[in-house]
N, C-alpha and C. Protein backbone atom coordinates (compact mmCIF):
# COMPACT_ATOMS: atom_id res chain seq x y z
N MET A 1 44.62 6.60 3.36
CA MET A 1 45.46 7.23 4.33
C MET A 1 46.59 7.96 3.62
N LYS A 2 46.73 9.22 3.90
CA LYS A 2 47.82 9.94 3.27
C LYS A 2 48.91 10.23 4.29
N LYS A 3 50.13 10.29 3.81
CA LYS A 3 51.27 10.56 4.69
C LYS A 3 51.62 12.03 4.59
N THR A 4 51.94 12.59 5.73
CA THR A 4 52.37 13.98 5.80
C THR A 4 53.68 14.03 6.56
N THR A 5 54.30 15.18 6.59
CA THR A 5 55.53 15.35 7.34
C THR A 5 55.27 16.27 8.51
N ASN A 6 55.69 15.84 9.70
CA ASN A 6 55.51 16.68 10.88
C ASN A 6 56.65 17.68 10.99
N PRO A 7 56.59 18.62 11.96
CA PRO A 7 57.63 19.65 12.07
C PRO A 7 59.05 19.08 12.23
N ALA A 8 59.17 17.87 12.76
CA ALA A 8 60.50 17.27 12.94
C ALA A 8 61.03 16.66 11.65
N GLY A 9 60.21 16.68 10.58
CA GLY A 9 60.62 16.12 9.31
C GLY A 9 60.35 14.64 9.16
N LEU A 10 59.62 14.07 10.13
CA LEU A 10 59.32 12.65 10.07
C LEU A 10 58.01 12.43 9.33
N SER A 11 57.94 11.33 8.61
CA SER A 11 56.73 10.99 7.88
C SER A 11 55.73 10.35 8.84
N VAL A 12 54.49 10.86 8.83
CA VAL A 12 53.45 10.33 9.71
C VAL A 12 52.18 10.11 8.90
N GLN A 13 51.36 9.18 9.37
CA GLN A 13 50.08 8.95 8.73
C GLN A 13 49.08 9.94 9.32
N SER A 14 48.34 10.62 8.47
CA SER A 14 47.43 11.64 8.96
C SER A 14 46.12 11.06 9.48
N ASP A 15 45.74 9.87 9.02
CA ASP A 15 44.50 9.24 9.46
C ASP A 15 44.81 7.86 10.04
N PRO A 16 45.18 7.79 11.35
CA PRO A 16 45.50 6.49 11.91
C PRO A 16 44.25 5.61 11.98
N PRO A 17 44.42 4.30 11.82
CA PRO A 17 43.26 3.42 11.86
C PRO A 17 42.66 3.38 13.26
N VAL A 18 41.36 3.25 13.32
CA VAL A 18 40.66 3.13 14.59
C VAL A 18 40.48 1.65 14.87
N VAL A 19 40.96 1.20 16.02
CA VAL A 19 40.88 -0.21 16.37
C VAL A 19 40.03 -0.35 17.63
N SER A 20 39.06 -1.21 17.56
CA SER A 20 38.19 -1.47 18.69
C SER A 20 38.95 -2.23 19.77
N PRO A 21 38.70 -1.91 21.06
CA PRO A 21 39.35 -2.67 22.13
C PRO A 21 39.06 -4.16 22.05
N ARG A 22 37.94 -4.54 21.48
CA ARG A 22 37.62 -5.96 21.35
C ARG A 22 38.66 -6.66 20.49
N ILE A 23 39.09 -6.02 19.43
CA ILE A 23 40.07 -6.62 18.53
C ILE A 23 41.46 -6.50 19.14
N GLU A 24 41.72 -5.39 19.78
CA GLU A 24 43.03 -5.09 20.31
C GLU A 24 43.39 -5.95 21.51
N CYS A 25 42.41 -6.44 22.25
CA CYS A 25 42.66 -7.13 23.51
C CYS A 25 43.20 -8.54 23.36
N GLY A 26 43.20 -9.10 22.21
CA GLY A 26 43.74 -10.43 22.05
C GLY A 26 42.67 -11.45 21.73
N ASP A 27 43.03 -12.71 21.91
CA ASP A 27 42.11 -13.77 21.50
C ASP A 27 40.96 -13.97 22.49
N ILE A 28 39.97 -14.71 22.06
CA ILE A 28 38.76 -14.93 22.83
C ILE A 28 39.05 -15.72 24.10
N VAL A 29 39.99 -16.64 24.05
CA VAL A 29 40.30 -17.47 25.22
C VAL A 29 40.74 -16.60 26.40
N SER A 30 41.52 -15.58 26.15
CA SER A 30 41.99 -14.72 27.24
C SER A 30 40.86 -13.89 27.84
N ARG A 31 39.72 -13.80 27.15
CA ARG A 31 38.59 -13.05 27.66
C ARG A 31 37.41 -13.96 28.01
N SER A 32 37.66 -15.25 28.20
CA SER A 32 36.56 -16.17 28.46
C SER A 32 35.86 -15.87 29.78
N TRP A 33 36.53 -15.21 30.70
CA TRP A 33 35.96 -14.83 31.98
C TRP A 33 35.01 -13.63 31.87
N MET A 34 35.07 -12.94 30.75
CA MET A 34 34.32 -11.69 30.56
C MET A 34 32.98 -11.99 29.88
N THR A 35 31.97 -12.28 30.68
CA THR A 35 30.65 -12.59 30.13
C THR A 35 29.92 -11.31 29.73
N ASP A 36 28.89 -11.46 28.91
CA ASP A 36 28.07 -10.31 28.52
C ASP A 36 27.46 -9.64 29.74
N GLU A 37 27.03 -10.46 30.70
CA GLU A 37 26.43 -9.92 31.92
C GLU A 37 27.45 -9.09 32.71
N PHE A 38 28.70 -9.58 32.78
CA PHE A 38 29.76 -8.88 33.49
C PHE A 38 30.07 -7.54 32.81
N VAL A 39 30.08 -7.53 31.49
CA VAL A 39 30.32 -6.29 30.73
C VAL A 39 29.19 -5.30 30.99
N GLN A 40 27.95 -5.78 30.96
CA GLN A 40 26.80 -4.90 31.21
C GLN A 40 26.81 -4.35 32.63
N GLN A 41 27.20 -5.18 33.60
CA GLN A 41 27.29 -4.72 34.98
C GLN A 41 28.38 -3.65 35.11
N THR A 42 29.49 -3.87 34.42
CA THR A 42 30.58 -2.88 34.43
C THR A 42 30.11 -1.57 33.81
N ARG A 43 29.37 -1.65 32.71
CA ARG A 43 28.83 -0.44 32.08
C ARG A 43 27.94 0.31 33.07
N HIS A 44 27.08 -0.42 33.76
CA HIS A 44 26.15 0.20 34.71
C HIS A 44 26.90 0.91 35.83
N VAL A 45 27.86 0.22 36.45
CA VAL A 45 28.62 0.79 37.57
C VAL A 45 29.46 1.98 37.11
N CYS A 46 30.17 1.82 35.99
CA CYS A 46 31.05 2.89 35.52
C CYS A 46 30.26 4.08 34.97
N SER A 47 29.10 3.84 34.40
CA SER A 47 28.27 4.94 33.91
C SER A 47 27.85 5.84 35.07
N LYS A 48 27.54 5.22 36.20
CA LYS A 48 27.19 6.01 37.40
C LYS A 48 28.41 6.79 37.89
N ALA A 49 29.56 6.11 37.93
CA ALA A 49 30.78 6.75 38.44
C ALA A 49 31.24 7.90 37.55
N TYR A 50 31.11 7.74 36.22
CA TYR A 50 31.56 8.76 35.28
C TYR A 50 30.47 9.77 34.95
N ASP A 51 29.26 9.51 35.42
CA ASP A 51 28.11 10.38 35.16
C ASP A 51 27.85 10.57 33.66
N ARG A 52 28.03 9.46 32.92
CA ARG A 52 27.74 9.43 31.49
C ARG A 52 27.62 7.97 31.07
N ASP A 53 27.07 7.72 29.91
CA ASP A 53 26.97 6.35 29.41
C ASP A 53 28.35 5.83 29.00
N VAL A 54 28.69 4.66 29.48
CA VAL A 54 29.94 4.01 29.11
C VAL A 54 29.60 2.96 28.05
N SER A 55 30.33 2.97 26.95
CA SER A 55 30.05 2.03 25.86
C SER A 55 30.54 0.63 26.20
N VAL A 56 30.12 -0.33 25.41
CA VAL A 56 30.56 -1.71 25.58
C VAL A 56 32.07 -1.79 25.42
N ASP A 57 32.61 -1.13 24.41
CA ASP A 57 34.06 -1.15 24.18
C ASP A 57 34.82 -0.55 25.36
N GLU A 58 34.29 0.53 25.93
CA GLU A 58 34.94 1.13 27.09
C GLU A 58 34.89 0.19 28.29
N ALA A 59 33.76 -0.48 28.48
CA ALA A 59 33.63 -1.43 29.60
C ALA A 59 34.62 -2.58 29.44
N ILE A 60 34.78 -3.07 28.23
CA ILE A 60 35.74 -4.15 27.97
C ILE A 60 37.16 -3.67 28.27
N GLU A 61 37.47 -2.48 27.83
CA GLU A 61 38.80 -1.93 28.09
C GLU A 61 39.04 -1.75 29.59
N ILE A 62 38.04 -1.28 30.32
CA ILE A 62 38.15 -1.12 31.77
C ILE A 62 38.42 -2.47 32.43
N LEU A 63 37.65 -3.49 32.04
CA LEU A 63 37.83 -4.82 32.62
C LEU A 63 39.21 -5.39 32.30
N MET A 64 39.67 -5.21 31.08
CA MET A 64 41.01 -5.71 30.71
C MET A 64 42.09 -4.99 31.52
N ASN A 65 41.94 -3.69 31.73
CA ASN A 65 42.92 -2.93 32.51
C ASN A 65 42.93 -3.37 33.97
N VAL A 66 41.76 -3.63 34.54
CA VAL A 66 41.68 -4.10 35.92
C VAL A 66 42.33 -5.48 36.03
N LYS A 67 42.10 -6.34 35.04
CA LYS A 67 42.71 -7.67 35.03
C LYS A 67 44.23 -7.56 34.97
N ARG A 68 44.73 -6.69 34.10
CA ARG A 68 46.19 -6.51 33.98
C ARG A 68 46.78 -5.99 35.29
N LEU A 69 46.10 -5.05 35.93
CA LEU A 69 46.56 -4.51 37.21
C LEU A 69 46.62 -5.62 38.24
N ALA A 70 45.58 -6.44 38.32
CA ALA A 70 45.55 -7.55 39.28
C ALA A 70 46.70 -8.52 39.01
N GLU A 71 46.98 -8.81 37.74
CA GLU A 71 48.07 -9.72 37.41
C GLU A 71 49.42 -9.16 37.85
N VAL A 72 49.61 -7.86 37.69
CA VAL A 72 50.86 -7.22 38.12
C VAL A 72 50.97 -7.26 39.63
N LEU A 73 49.89 -6.96 40.33
CA LEU A 73 49.92 -6.97 41.79
C LEU A 73 50.18 -8.37 42.35
N ILE A 74 49.65 -9.38 41.69
CA ILE A 74 49.89 -10.76 42.12
C ILE A 74 51.36 -11.12 41.97
N LYS A 75 52.01 -10.65 40.91
CA LYS A 75 53.42 -10.94 40.68
C LYS A 75 54.32 -10.25 41.71
N VAL A 76 53.87 -9.10 42.18
CA VAL A 76 54.67 -8.33 43.16
C VAL A 76 54.52 -8.97 44.49
């Protein structure tokens, strides 16, 4: 990874690391509700809705976002 300077004079990394949502989402315990079957079902439903194939990582991210939204709504 090389560092470059942007127009504002700040140092930035030119090649940011790519992190899979699986790693980014946290520990396995917090995703124990997310079965392989549930992920595949989410892929199937979202692929139809988006009119393209949704990857496993995208399905996991979608499920995590829906869970976070539900948690916020419950608190309100």
